[in-house]
Amino acid sequence: MRLSIRLSAEQIAEERRRRYLAAWPMHAQLEAQHDAANGRPEKLGRMTTDFERIKAELPFPD
């Protein structure tokens, strides 16, 4: 018998938030947004890529 554990949408959302903040603490997120607003989008691009990777690793249930 094979057992499979599925997380609820709320659990997935909370785990995503935890991983976002672990990878990019709030001060780093704000700095990336500030830099992008001042014409330096590189950091924001890296943050967006990291967030997309986290989303792909933790998809919401169908």
PDB file of N, CA and C in Angstrom:
ATOM      1  N   MET A   1       0.849  -1.172   0.000  1.00  0.00           N
ATOM      2  CA  MET A   1       0.000   0.000   0.000  1.00  0.00           C
ATOM      3  C   MET A   1       0.896   1.238   0.000  1.00  0.00           C
ATOM      4  N   ARG A   2       0.520   2.187  -0.823  1.00  0.00           N
ATOM      5  CA  ARG A   2       1.281   3.426  -0.914  1.00  0.00           C
ATOM      6  C   ARG A   2       0.456   4.547  -0.322  1.00  0.00           C
ATOM      7  N   LEU A   3       1.073   5.309   0.562  1.00  0.00           N
ATOM      8  CA  LEU A   3       0.393   6.415   1.229  1.00  0.00           C
ATOM      9  C   LEU A   3       0.913   7.721   0.678  1.00  0.00           C
ATOM     10  N   SER A   4       0.033   8.622   0.387  1.00  0.00           N
ATOM     11  CA  SER A   4       0.415   9.921  -0.145  1.00  0.00           C
ATOM     12  C   SER A   4      -0.192  11.016   0.721  1.00  0.00           C
ATOM     13  N   ILE A   5       0.625  11.976   1.098  1.00  0.00           N
ATOM     14  CA  ILE A   5       0.157  13.084   1.931  1.00  0.00           C
ATOM     15  C   ILE A   5       0.050  14.319   1.054  1.00  0.00           C
ATOM     16  N   ARG A   6      -1.104  14.954   1.086  1.00  0.00           N
ATOM     17  CA  ARG A   6      -1.326  16.163   0.299  1.00  0.00           C
ATOM     18  C   ARG A   6      -1.565  17.325   1.233  1.00  0.00           C
ATOM     19  N   LEU A   7      -0.907  18.408   0.971  1.00  0.00           N
ATOM     20  CA  LEU A   7      -1.088  19.615   1.772  1.00  0.00           C
ATOM     21  C   LEU A   7      -2.311  20.378   1.281  1.00  0.00           C
ATOM     22  N   SER A   8      -2.968  21.073   2.195  1.00  0.00           N
ATOM     23  CA  SER A   8      -4.094  21.914   1.810  1.00  0.00           C
ATOM     24  C   SER A   8      -3.560  23.193   1.170  1.00  0.00           C
ATOM     25  N   ALA A   9      -4.427  23.922   0.512  1.00  0.00           N
ATOM     26  CA  ALA A   9      -4.033  25.186  -0.115  1.00  0.00           C
ATOM     27  C   ALA A   9      -3.483  26.155   0.928  1.00  0.00           C
ATOM     28  N   GLU A  10      -4.079  26.175   2.115  1.00  0.00           N
ATOM     29  CA  GLU A  10      -3.611  27.054   3.181  1.00  0.00           C
ATOM     30  C   GLU A  10      -2.210  26.671   3.651  1.00  0.00           C
ATOM     31  N   GLN A  11      -1.952  25.375   3.754  1.00  0.00           N
ATOM     32  CA  GLN A  11      -0.631  24.905   4.163  1.00  0.00           C
ATOM     33  C   GLN A  11       0.420  25.234   3.104  1.00  0.00           C
ATOM     34  N   ILE A  12       0.047  25.088   1.852  1.00  0.00           N
ATOM     35  CA  ILE A  12       0.966  25.417   0.763  1.00  0.00           C
ATOM     36  C   ILE A  12       1.262  26.912   0.768  1.00  0.00           C
ATOM     37  N   ALA A  13       0.242  27.739   0.937  1.00  0.00           N
ATOM     38  CA  ALA A  13       0.445  29.188   0.966  1.00  0.00           C
ATOM     39  C   ALA A  13       1.372  29.584   2.117  1.00  0.00           C
ATOM     40  N   GLU A  14       1.185  28.988   3.267  1.00  0.00           N
ATOM     41  CA  GLU A  14       2.034  29.297   4.425  1.00  0.00           C
ATOM     42  C   GLU A  14       3.475  28.848   4.186  1.00  0.00           C
ATOM     43  N   GLU A  15       3.660  27.687   3.595  1.00  0.00           N
ATOM     44  CA  GLU A  15       5.016  27.198   3.307  1.00  0.00           C
ATOM     45  C   GLU A  15       5.693  28.074   2.254  1.00  0.00           C
ATOM     46  N   ARG A  16       4.922  28.511   1.253  1.00  0.00           N
ATOM     47  CA  ARG A  16       5.484  29.437   0.274  1.00  0.00           C
ATOM     48  C   ARG A  16       5.945  30.716   0.956  1.00  0.00           C
ATOM     49  N   ARG A  17       5.119  31.293   1.818  1.00  0.00           N
ATOM     50  CA  ARG A  17       5.493  32.521   2.539  1.00  0.00           C
ATOM     51  C   ARG A  17       6.763  32.310   3.353  1.00  0.00           C
ATOM     52  N   ARG A  18       6.849  31.168   4.014  1.00  0.00           N
ATOM     53  CA  ARG A  18       8.027  30.873   4.827  1.00  0.00           C
ATOM     54  C   ARG A  18       9.282  30.821   3.951  1.00  0.00           C
ATOM     55  N   ARG A  19       9.154  30.150   2.799  1.00  0.00           N
ATOM     56  CA  ARG A  19      10.305  30.037   1.897  1.00  0.00           C
ATOM     57  C   ARG A  19      10.662  31.375   1.250  1.00  0.00           C
ATOM     58  N   TYR A  20       9.659  32.175   0.892  1.00  0.00           N
ATOM     59  CA  TYR A  20       9.931  33.504   0.328  1.00  0.00           C
ATOM     60  C   TYR A  20      10.766  34.324   1.309  1.00  0.00           C
ATOM     61  N   LEU A  21      10.327  34.338   2.566  1.00  0.00           N
ATOM     62  CA  LEU A  21      11.032  35.144   3.572  1.00  0.00           C
ATOM     63  C   LEU A  21      12.396  34.566   3.918  1.00  0.00           C
ATOM     64  N   ALA A  22      12.553  33.259   3.831  1.00  0.00           N
ATOM     65  CA  ALA A  22      13.865  32.662   4.085  1.00  0.00           C
ATOM     66  C   ALA A  22      14.839  33.045   2.968  1.00  0.00           C
ATOM     67  N   ALA A  23      14.360  33.026   1.729  1.00  0.00           N
ATOM     68  CA  ALA A  23      15.215  33.357   0.592  1.00  0.00           C
ATOM     69  C   ALA A  23      15.433  34.862   0.464  1.00  0.00           C
ATOM     70  N   TRP A  24      14.384  35.624   0.704  1.00  0.00           N
ATOM     71  CA  TRP A  24      14.422  37.078   0.552  1.00  0.00           C
ATOM     72  C   TRP A  24      13.701  37.715   1.748  1.00  0.00           C
ATOM     73  N   PRO A  25      14.435  38.017   2.818  1.00  0.00           N
ATOM     74  CA  PRO A  25      13.806  38.703   3.964  1.00  0.00           C
ATOM     75  C   PRO A  25      13.167  40.017   3.505  1.00  0.00           C
ATOM     76  N   MET A  26      12.254  40.523   4.289  1.00  0.00           N
ATOM     77  CA  MET A  26      11.486  41.702   3.887  1.00  0.00           C
ATOM     78  C   MET A  26      12.381  42.872   3.488  1.00  0.00           C
ATOM     79  N   HIS A  27      13.455  43.108   4.229  1.00  0.00           N
ATOM     80  CA  HIS A  27      14.324  44.245   3.888  1.00  0.00           C
ATOM     81  C   HIS A  27      14.964  44.046   2.513  1.00  0.00           C
ATOM     82  N   ALA A  28      15.278  42.806   2.145  1.00  0.00           N
ATOM     83  CA  ALA A  28      15.870  42.532   0.835  1.00  0.00           C
ATOM     84  C   ALA A  28      14.823  42.693  -0.273  1.00  0.00           C
ATOM     85  N   GLN A  29      13.578  42.319   0.002  1.00  0.00           N
ATOM     86  CA  GLN A  29      12.506  42.517  -0.973  1.00  0.00           C
ATOM     87  C   GLN A  29      12.297  43.997  -1.245  1.00  0.00           C
ATOM     88  N   LEU A  30      12.261  44.780  -0.177  1.00  0.00           N
ATOM     89  CA  LEU A  30      12.076  46.232  -0.333  1.00  0.00           C
ATOM     90  C   LEU A  30      13.249  46.856  -1.084  1.00  0.00           C
ATOM     91  N   GLU A  31      14.451  46.405  -0.788  1.00  0.00           N
ATOM     92  CA  GLU A  31      15.624  46.917  -1.487  1.00  0.00           C
ATOM     93  C   GLU A  31      15.554  46.584  -2.978  1.00  0.00           C
ATOM     94  N   ALA A  32      15.144  45.381  -3.317  1.00  0.00           N
ATOM     95  CA  ALA A  32      15.017  44.982  -4.721  1.00  0.00           C
ATOM     96  C   ALA A  32      13.993  45.852  -5.438  1.00  0.00           C
ATOM     97  N   GLN A  33      12.870  46.132  -4.787  1.00  0.00           N
ATOM     98  CA  GLN A  33      11.838  46.978  -5.392  1.00  0.00           C
ATOM     99  C   GLN A  33      12.329  48.420  -5.533  1.00  0.00           C
ATOM    100  N   HIS A  34      13.034  48.898  -4.542  1.00  0.00           N
ATOM    101  CA  HIS A  34      13.574  50.257  -4.579  1.00  0.00           C
ATOM    102  C   HIS A  34      14.602  50.387  -5.703  1.00  0.00           C
ATOM    103  N   ASP A  35      15.490  49.428  -5.795  1.00  0.00           N
ATOM    104  CA  ASP A  35      16.487  49.445  -6.867  1.00  0.00           C
ATOM    105  C   ASP A  35      15.813  49.443  -8.240  1.00  0.00           C
ATOM    106  N   ALA A  36      14.794  48.610  -8.411  1.00  0.00           N
ATOM    107  CA  ALA A  36      14.086  48.541  -9.698  1.00  0.00           C
ATOM    108  C   ALA A  36      13.423  49.873 -10.020  1.00  0.00           C
ATOM    109  N   ALA A  37      12.860  50.522  -9.008  1.00  0.00           N
ATOM    110  CA  ALA A  37      12.227  51.823  -9.225  1.00  0.00           C
ATOM    111  C   ALA A  37      13.251  52.877  -9.628  1.00  0.00           C
ATOM    112  N   ASN A  38      14.501  52.659  -9.255  1.00  0.00           N
ATOM    113  CA  ASN A  38      15.571  53.598  -9.593  1.00  0.00           C
ATOM    114  C   ASN A  38      16.365  53.142 -10.823  1.00  0.00           C
ATOM    115  N   GLY A  39      15.796  52.234 -11.602  1.00  0.00           N
ATOM    116  CA  GLY A  39      16.406  51.850 -12.858  1.00  0.00           C
ATOM    117  C   GLY A  39      17.420  50.723 -12.783  1.00  0.00           C
ATOM    118  N   ARG A  40      17.457  50.014 -11.658  1.00  0.00           N
ATOM    119  CA  ARG A  40      18.378  48.878 -11.513  1.00  0.00           C
ATOM    120  C   ARG A  40      17.553  47.620 -11.210  1.00  0.00           C
ATOM    121  N   PRO A  41      17.009  46.967 -12.255  1.00  0.00           N
ATOM    122  CA  PRO A  41      16.077  45.851 -12.049  1.00  0.00           C
ATOM    123  C   PRO A  41      16.720  44.486 -11.802  1.00  0.00           C
ATOM    124  N   GLU A  42      18.041  44.401 -11.753  1.00  0.00           N
ATOM    125  CA  GLU A  42      18.698  43.090 -11.659  1.00  0.00           C
ATOM    126  C   GLU A  42      18.289  42.315 -10.411  1.00  0.00           C
ATOM    127  N   LYS A  43      18.292  42.985  -9.273  1.00  0.00           N
ATOM    128  CA  LYS A  43      17.966  42.315  -8.007  1.00  0.00           C
ATOM    129  C   LYS A  43      16.504  41.855  -8.001  1.00  0.00           C
ATOM    130  N   LEU A  44      15.621  42.690  -8.528  1.00  0.00           N
ATOM    131  CA  LEU A  44      14.208  42.324  -8.597  1.00  0.00           C
ATOM    132  C   LEU A  44      14.019  41.118  -9.511  1.00  0.00           C
ATOM    133  N   GLY A  45      14.794  41.065 -10.596  1.00  0.00           N
ATOM    134  CA  GLY A  45      14.728  39.912 -11.492  1.00  0.00           C
ATOM    135  C   GLY A  45      15.150  38.628 -10.796  1.00  0.00           C
ATOM    136  N   ARG A  46      16.223  38.695  -9.989  1.00  0.00           N
ATOM    137  CA  ARG A  46      16.669  37.512  -9.240  1.00  0.00           C
ATOM    138  C   ARG A  46      15.607  37.089  -8.224  1.00  0.00           C
ATOM    139  N   MET A  47      15.010  38.068  -7.552  1.00  0.00           N
ATOM    140  CA  MET A  47      13.976  37.760  -6.567  1.00  0.00           C
ATOM    141  C   MET A  47      12.771  37.099  -7.251  1.00  0.00           C
ATOM    142  N   THR A  48      12.354  37.640  -8.374  1.00  0.00           N
ATOM    143  CA  THR A  48      11.216  37.079  -9.109  1.00  0.00           C
ATOM    144  C   THR A  48      11.507  35.649  -9.554  1.00  0.00           C
ATOM    145  N   THR A  49      12.718  35.412 -10.030  1.00  0.00           N
ATOM    146  CA  THR A  49      13.112  34.061 -10.439  1.00  0.00           C
ATOM    147  C   THR A  49      13.058  33.098  -9.259  1.00  0.00           C
ATOM    148  N   ASP A  50      13.567  33.531  -8.116  1.00  0.00           N
ATOM    149  CA  ASP A  50      13.520  32.688  -6.917  1.00  0.00           C
ATOM    150  C   ASP A  50      12.078  32.395  -6.502  1.00  0.00           C
ATOM    151  N   PHE A  51      11.216  33.412  -6.552  1.00  0.00           N
ATOM    152  CA  PHE A  51       9.821  33.211  -6.167  1.00  0.00           C
ATOM    153  C   PHE A  51       9.113  32.260  -7.137  1.00  0.00           C
ATOM    154  N   GLU A  52       9.410  32.368  -8.425  1.00  0.00           N
ATOM    155  CA  GLU A  52       8.810  31.466  -9.405  1.00  0.00           C
ATOM    156  C   GLU A  52       9.265  30.025  -9.171  1.00  0.00           C
ATOM    157  N   ARG A  53      10.523  29.848  -8.789  1.00  0.00           N
ATOM    158  CA  ARG A  53      11.033  28.506  -8.482  1.00  0.00           C
ATOM    159  C   ARG A  53      10.284  27.918  -7.287  1.00  0.00           C
ATOM    160  N   ILE A  54      10.073  28.739  -6.263  1.00  0.00           N
ATOM    161  CA  ILE A  54       9.339  28.281  -5.078  1.00  0.00           C
ATOM    162  C   ILE A  54       7.906  27.906  -5.447  1.00  0.00           C
ATOM    163  N   LYS A  55       7.257  28.717  -6.275  1.00  0.00           N
ATOM    164  CA  LYS A  55       5.899  28.398  -6.720  1.00  0.00           C
ATOM    165  C   LYS A  55       5.861  27.074  -7.466  1.00  0.00           C
ATOM    166  N   ALA A  56       6.868  26.830  -8.309  1.00  0.00           N
ATOM    167  CA  ALA A  56       6.911  25.580  -9.078  1.00  0.00           C
ATOM    168  C   ALA A  56       7.123  24.378  -8.166  1.00  0.00           C
ATOM    169  N   GLU A  57       7.897  24.574  -7.109  1.00  0.00           N
ATOM    170  CA  GLU A  57       8.158  23.482  -6.152  1.00  0.00           C
ATOM    171  C   GLU A  57       6.933  23.181  -5.295  1.00  0.00           C
ATOM    172  N   LEU A  58       6.082  24.168  -5.079  1.00  0.00           N
ATOM    173  CA  LEU A  58       4.892  24.012  -4.236  1.00  0.00           C
ATOM    174  C   LEU A  58       3.627  24.431  -4.974  1.00  0.00           C
ATOM    175  N   PRO A  59       3.197  23.656  -5.947  1.00  0.00           N
ATOM    176  CA  PRO A  59       1.975  24.030  -6.676  1.00  0.00           C
ATOM    177  C   PRO A  59       0.731  23.830  -5.794  1.00  0.00           C
ATOM    178  N   PHE A  60      -0.262  24.636  -6.054  1.00  0.00           N
ATOM    179  CA  PHE A  60      -1.534  24.465  -5.342  1.00  0.00           C
ATOM    180  C   PHE A  60      -2.239  23.220  -5.863  1.00  0.00           C
ATOM    181  N   PRO A  61      -3.021  22.552  -5.001  1.00  0.00           N
ATOM    182  CA  PRO A  61      -3.738  21.342  -5.447  1.00  0.00           C
ATOM    183  C   PRO A  61      -4.797  21.682  -6.485  1.00  0.00           C
ATOM    184  N   ASP A  62      -5.083  20.714  -7.324  1.00  0.00           N
ATOM    185  CA  ASP A  62      -6.097  20.903  -8.375  1.00  0.00           C
ATOM    186  C   ASP A  62      -7.479  20.946  -7.799  1.00  0.00           C
TER     187      ASP A  62
END
